[in-house]
Amino acid sequence: MSIAIFLIDKLMNNINIYLQALQMSKGAVDEIMLGEMLGLEEDATRRIIASLLNEYKITYSSDNNTCNYKPIKKQKKYEHR
């Protein structure tokens, strides 16, 4: 396995773990603090947030929660009858 593939795999794993932690925290933990709790540096956390925003998996939220981002709920597929 090349170093590039290893790093991409590690980044994707960190993104998935961060998203799961964000869902579980329900806005109670600041987004940077959440990353630190997962062992991520602030810069890495900001890159993960940017990636999740680009993938439409999270959105900016001003709901007066501690965290400024929240996961986007998947829409149920419309069933034609």
Protein backbone atom coordinates (compact mmCIF):
# COMPACT_ATOMS: atom_id res chain seq x y z
CA MET A 1 0.00 0.00 0.00
CA SER A 2 1.42 3.36 -0.95
CA ILE A 3 1.73 6.19 1.57
CA ALA A 4 -0.85 8.28 -0.35
CA ILE A 5 -3.47 5.54 -0.17
CA PHE A 6 -2.72 5.04 3.52
CA LEU A 7 -3.15 8.75 4.25
CA ILE A 8 -6.40 8.98 2.27
CA ASP A 9 -7.75 5.92 4.10
CA LYS A 10 -6.81 7.46 7.47
CA LEU A 11 -8.46 10.77 6.53
CA MET A 12 -11.67 9.02 5.44
CA ASN A 13 -11.70 7.07 8.70
CA ASN A 14 -11.24 10.29 10.70
CA ILE A 15 -14.08 11.94 8.74
CA ASN A 16 -16.46 9.08 9.51
CA ILE A 17 -15.48 8.97 13.18
CA TYR A 18 -15.88 12.75 13.50
CA LEU A 19 -19.33 12.64 11.86
CA GLN A 20 -20.47 9.88 14.22
CA ALA A 21 -19.18 11.82 17.23
CA LEU A 22 -20.93 14.97 15.99
CA GLN A 23 -24.20 13.06 15.71
CA MET A 24 -23.82 11.58 19.18
CA SER A 25 -22.92 14.90 20.82
CA LYS A 26 -26.14 16.55 19.53
CA GLY A 27 -24.54 20.01 19.53
CA ALA A 28 -23.42 19.90 23.16
CA VAL A 29 -19.68 20.05 22.36
CA ASP A 30 -17.86 22.75 20.40
CA GLU A 31 -16.70 21.44 17.00
CA ILE A 32 -13.01 22.08 17.68
CA MET A 33 -13.20 20.58 21.19
CA LEU A 34 -14.91 17.52 19.69
CA GLY A 35 -11.97 17.09 17.33
CA GLU A 36 -9.53 17.44 20.22
CA MET A 37 -11.45 14.79 22.15
CA LEU A 38 -10.86 12.49 19.17
CA GLY A 39 -7.14 13.28 19.15
CA LEU A 40 -7.26 15.65 16.17
CA GLU A 41 -5.44 18.94 15.90
CA GLU A 42 -7.48 22.08 15.14
CA ASP A 43 -6.23 22.25 11.54
CA ALA A 44 -7.21 18.62 10.89
CA THR A 45 -10.63 19.23 12.44
CA ARG A 46 -11.21 22.25 10.20
CA ARG A 47 -10.26 20.20 7.12
CA ILE A 48 -12.72 17.48 8.17
CA ILE A 49 -15.48 20.07 8.69
CA ALA A 50 -14.76 21.54 5.23
CA SER A 51 -14.93 18.09 3.69
CA LEU A 52 -18.22 17.27 5.43
CA LEU A 53 -19.69 20.61 4.31
CA ASN A 54 -18.62 19.91 0.71
CA GLU A 55 -20.21 16.46 0.86
CA TYR A 56 -23.46 17.95 2.25
CA LYS A 57 -23.21 15.76 5.34
CA ILE A 58 -23.25 18.70 7.78
CA THR A 59 -24.54 22.25 7.72
CA TYR A 60 -23.78 25.45 9.60
CA SER A 61 -26.25 25.95 12.42
CA SER A 62 -27.00 28.98 14.57
CA ASP A 63 -29.38 27.13 16.90
CA ASN A 64 -27.60 28.55 19.96
CA ASN A 65 -25.99 25.19 20.63
CA THR A 66 -22.37 24.98 21.66
CA CYS A 67 -21.47 23.46 18.26
CA ASN A 68 -21.84 25.56 15.09
CA TYR A 69 -22.50 22.56 12.83
CA LYS A 70 -25.08 19.82 12.71
CA PRO A 71 -25.44 16.68 10.63
CA ILE A 72 -27.87 16.79 7.73
CA LYS A 73 -30.57 14.21 8.15
CA LYS A 74 -30.96 11.90 5.20
CA GLN A 75 -34.24 12.40 3.44
CA LYS A 76 -36.40 9.36 3.07
CA LYS A 77 -36.81 8.28 -0.50
CA TYR A 78 -40.22 8.93 -1.93
CA GLU A 79 -42.08 5.70 -2.58
CA HIS A 80 -44.31 5.77 -5.60
CA ARG A 81 -47.50 3.76 -5.12
